[in-house]
Protein backbone atom coordinates (compact mmCIF):
# COMPACT_ATOMS: atom_id res chain seq x y z
CA MET A 1 -15.61 19.14 -17.02
CA ASP A 2 -17.62 16.44 -15.74
CA LYS A 3 -15.81 13.21 -15.45
CA LEU A 4 -16.29 10.65 -17.87
CA TYR A 5 -16.42 6.63 -17.23
CA THR A 6 -15.55 4.05 -19.28
CA LEU A 7 -18.05 1.23 -18.47
CA VAL A 8 -17.69 -2.85 -18.89
CA ILE A 9 -20.62 -4.18 -20.88
CA ASN A 10 -20.57 -7.72 -21.57
CA GLY A 11 -16.87 -8.07 -20.92
CA LYS A 12 -15.84 -5.36 -23.17
CA PRO A 13 -15.22 -1.75 -22.31
CA GLU A 14 -17.46 1.15 -23.81
CA GLY A 15 -17.57 4.85 -23.31
CA PRO A 16 -16.87 6.97 -22.18
CA PHE A 17 -20.03 8.01 -20.27
CA SER A 18 -20.92 10.83 -18.20
CA VAL A 19 -22.97 10.17 -14.98
CA ASP A 20 -26.10 11.05 -16.39
CA GLU A 21 -25.38 8.67 -19.61
CA LEU A 22 -24.54 6.00 -16.96
CA LYS A 23 -28.00 6.43 -15.02
CA LYS A 24 -29.84 5.76 -18.60
CA ARG A 25 -28.21 2.71 -18.69
CA GLY A 26 -29.42 1.41 -15.80
CA ILE A 27 -25.84 0.81 -13.97
CA ARG A 28 -25.31 -1.25 -11.20
CA SER A 29 -23.50 -1.17 -8.20
CA ASN A 30 -21.27 -4.08 -9.04
CA ASP A 31 -20.70 -3.15 -12.80
CA PHE A 32 -16.61 -2.05 -13.49
CA VAL A 33 -15.71 1.25 -14.29
CA ARG A 34 -12.91 3.38 -14.70
CA THR A 35 -11.96 7.11 -15.34
CA GLU A 36 -8.85 8.56 -17.09
CA GLY A 37 -5.88 8.33 -15.17
CA MET A 38 -6.92 5.15 -13.16
CA ASP A 39 -4.74 1.74 -13.78
CA ASP A 40 -7.48 -0.64 -12.88
CA TYR A 41 -11.33 -0.94 -13.15
CA LYS A 42 -13.25 -0.38 -9.84
CA GLU A 43 -16.71 -1.63 -9.00
CA VAL A 44 -19.31 1.52 -9.25
CA HIS A 45 -19.81 1.12 -5.23
CA GLU A 46 -16.26 1.56 -4.63
CA MET A 47 -15.92 5.06 -6.28
CA PRO A 48 -17.38 7.66 -3.46
CA GLU A 49 -18.68 10.28 -6.21
CA LEU A 50 -20.62 7.52 -7.86
CA ARG A 51 -22.23 5.66 -4.56
CA GLU A 52 -23.11 9.49 -3.98
CA ALA A 53 -24.90 9.87 -7.32
CA PHE A 54 -26.78 6.49 -7.34
CA GLY A 55 -27.44 6.05 -3.92
CA PHE A 56 -25.28 2.81 -3.48
CA ARG A 57 -23.86 1.54 -0.32
CA LYS A 58 -20.31 0.47 -0.38
CA GLN A 59 -20.05 -3.17 0.00
CA THR A 60 -17.34 -5.24 1.59
CA ILE A 61 -15.49 -7.58 -0.74
CA ALA A 62 -12.79 -9.76 0.55
CA PRO A 63 -9.31 -9.28 -1.26
CA GLN A 64 -8.64 -12.15 -3.71
CA TYR A 65 -5.16 -11.05 -4.92
CA PHE A 66 -2.36 -11.15 -2.92
CA ALA A 67 1.22 -9.69 -3.06
CA ALA A 68 3.61 -12.44 -3.51
CA PHE A 69 6.79 -12.54 -1.46
CA ASP A 70 9.00 -11.17 -4.22
CA GLN A 71 6.86 -8.05 -4.72
CA ARG A 72 6.86 -7.47 -0.90
CA LEU A 73 10.91 -7.73 -0.77
CA LEU A 74 11.38 -5.50 -3.79
CA ALA A 75 8.75 -2.78 -2.07
CA SER A 76 11.15 -3.13 1.06
CA VAL A 77 14.17 -2.63 -1.10
CA ILE A 78 13.01 0.30 -2.70
CA ASP A 79 11.69 1.81 0.67
CA TRP A 80 15.15 1.19 2.43
CA PHE A 81 16.97 2.76 -0.31
CA LEU A 82 14.91 5.95 -0.36
CA ILE A 83 15.04 6.37 3.40
CA ALA A 84 18.91 5.60 3.66
CA PHE A 85 19.68 7.84 0.62
CA GLY A 86 18.30 11.12 2.02
CA TYR A 87 20.39 10.34 5.41
CA VAL A 88 23.36 9.47 3.54
CA VAL A 89 22.97 12.68 1.80
CA VAL A 90 22.72 14.56 4.95
CA ALA A 91 25.26 13.07 6.81
CA PHE A 92 27.70 13.62 3.60
CA ILE A 93 27.14 17.29 3.97
CA GLY A 94 27.55 16.98 7.79
CA VAL A 95 30.83 15.37 7.36
CA MET A 96 32.00 17.63 4.66
CA ALA A 97 31.22 20.65 7.24
CA THR A 98 33.39 19.51 9.74
CA ASN A 99 37.24 18.85 10.42
CA ASN A 100 36.43 17.21 13.98
CA ARG A 101 36.86 13.73 13.71
CA MET A 102 34.60 12.78 16.87
CA VAL A 103 32.00 14.69 15.09
CA ARG A 104 32.00 12.42 12.06
CA ILE A 105 32.48 9.53 13.74
CA VAL A 106 29.02 10.25 15.64
CA ILE A 107 27.22 11.40 12.36
CA GLY A 108 28.20 8.18 10.69
CA MET A 109 27.40 5.87 13.77
CA SER A 110 23.73 7.78 14.14
CA LEU A 111 23.02 6.30 10.78
CA LEU A 112 22.60 2.91 11.94
CA ILE A 113 19.97 3.87 14.56
CA LEU A 114 18.09 6.72 12.61
CA ILE A 115 17.47 4.69 9.61
CA PRO A 116 15.93 1.68 11.01
CA LEU A 117 13.77 3.87 13.23
CA THR A 118 12.70 6.34 10.61
CA LYS A 119 11.82 3.07 8.24
CA ILE A 120 9.51 1.87 11.05
CA ILE A 121 7.95 5.36 11.51
CA TYR A 122 7.49 5.65 8.09
CA HIS A 123 5.74 2.37 7.39
CA ILE A 124 3.36 2.73 10.28
CA ILE A 125 2.35 6.25 9.14
CA MET A 126 2.24 5.27 5.13
CA GLU A 127 0.42 1.85 5.67
CA ALA A 128 -2.30 3.71 7.71
CA SER A 129 -2.88 6.65 5.34
CA ILE A 130 -5.33 6.65 2.70
CA LYS A 131 -2.79 5.04 0.24
CA GLN A 132 -2.51 2.26 2.70
CA ALA A 133 0.89 2.03 1.39
CA THR A 134 4.73 3.16 1.36
CA TYR A 135 6.35 4.41 -1.84
CA GLY A 136 7.94 1.35 -2.42
CA LYS A 137 4.75 -0.68 -2.22
CA GLN A 138 2.69 2.08 -4.14
CA LEU A 139 5.23 1.75 -7.41
CA LEU A 140 4.46 -1.73 -7.18
CA LYS A 141 0.63 -1.46 -6.68
CA ILE A 142 0.23 -3.25 -3.52
CA LYS A 143 -1.03 -1.82 -0.20
CA VAL A 144 -1.74 -2.89 3.25
CA CYS A 145 -5.32 -3.68 4.43
CA ASP A 146 -7.39 -5.70 6.91
CA ILE A 147 -9.01 -9.20 6.16
CA GLN A 148 -12.00 -7.38 4.65
CA GLY A 149 -9.74 -4.97 2.28
CA GLU A 150 -10.24 -2.02 4.25
CA ARG A 151 -8.00 0.51 5.43
CA ILE A 152 -6.55 -0.22 8.96
CA PRO A 153 -6.19 2.22 11.41
CA LEU A 154 -3.17 4.03 12.96
CA SER A 155 -3.20 1.57 16.15
CA ARG A 156 -3.30 -1.53 14.11
CA SER A 157 -0.36 -0.33 11.71
CA ILE A 158 1.70 0.33 14.87
CA GLY A 159 0.76 -3.36 15.88
CA ARG A 160 1.73 -4.91 12.45
CA ASN A 161 4.99 -3.01 12.46
CA LEU A 162 5.98 -3.95 15.93
CA ALA A 163 4.89 -7.53 15.18
CA LYS A 164 7.57 -7.61 12.71
CA ILE A 165 10.14 -8.24 15.56
CA PHE A 166 8.54 -11.77 15.88
CA SER A 167 8.88 -12.51 12.18
CA VAL A 168 12.53 -11.38 12.49
CA ALA A 169 13.47 -12.80 15.81
CA THR A 170 12.14 -16.39 14.20
CA LEU A 171 15.44 -15.92 11.58
CA GLY A 172 13.32 -15.09 8.55
CA ILE A 173 11.00 -17.79 9.27
CA GLY A 174 8.25 -15.52 10.00
CA TYR A 175 8.67 -13.79 6.59
CA LEU A 176 8.73 -17.24 4.90
CA MET A 177 5.62 -18.48 6.25
CA SER A 178 3.99 -16.35 3.26
CA PHE A 179 4.84 -19.23 0.88
CA PHE A 180 2.60 -21.55 2.79
CA ASN A 181 -0.57 -19.94 3.10
CA LYS A 182 -3.49 -19.01 0.24
CA LYS A 183 -3.40 -15.22 1.23
CA GLN A 184 0.32 -15.17 1.70
CA GLN A 185 0.60 -13.52 4.79
CA CYS A 186 3.98 -13.17 7.10
CA LEU A 187 3.95 -13.84 10.69
CA HIS A 188 3.36 -10.51 11.65
CA ASP A 189 0.47 -10.50 9.05
CA MET A 190 -1.24 -13.49 11.09
CA VAL A 191 -0.88 -11.67 14.15
CA THR A 192 -2.79 -8.49 13.23
CA ASP A 193 -4.93 -9.95 10.98
CA THR A 194 -3.61 -7.82 8.41
CA LEU A 195 -3.19 -8.55 4.24
CA VAL A 196 -0.97 -6.89 1.46
CA MET A 197 -3.12 -7.14 -1.41
CA LYS A 198 -2.87 -6.20 -5.23
CA ASP A 199 -5.10 -4.34 -7.05
CA ARG A 200 -7.94 -6.23 -8.90
CA LEU A 201 -7.75 -6.48 -12.82
CA VAL A 202 -10.47 -6.99 -15.54
């Protein structure tokens, strides 16, 4: 079954329309559309299948909406919980499976290293992925991008997450810097020219 699109016309959603019907309406690259299952509207040129159908080129759109500190904090809490919960379950099973006191201590102490290390690797991979976000960020509909709003490569994701050392080393001031600039960038965002943006809504 062909995908159907809701089109914003004079500020109001109309449709749904097939691709052929959109062609008859003389759709433009900056018209807003959405399909079933999408939370937000997107411009036509942002959707690969429509770019191909209409011969449009993807335009660079500077992000306009940025994630607030509380959203970023909540996303981080969710990610910490997901990672810590998984390790705690595994550690609990390991502790219950042995009576050796030293082994139990080693299992417990290893969590202090494995959880933070896993979280760093998890952030690096997820924020450079096609989703551009960890599961916590995805739940809050925010994502990491470059200054133009594009997906960042793995190398920049590594740099961004390592740069968080500076934000922590300043006793958290690096994170609070997001309150004092329009793009709500933390210190590690400024160092790596990255943003945490919210999806555009119509």
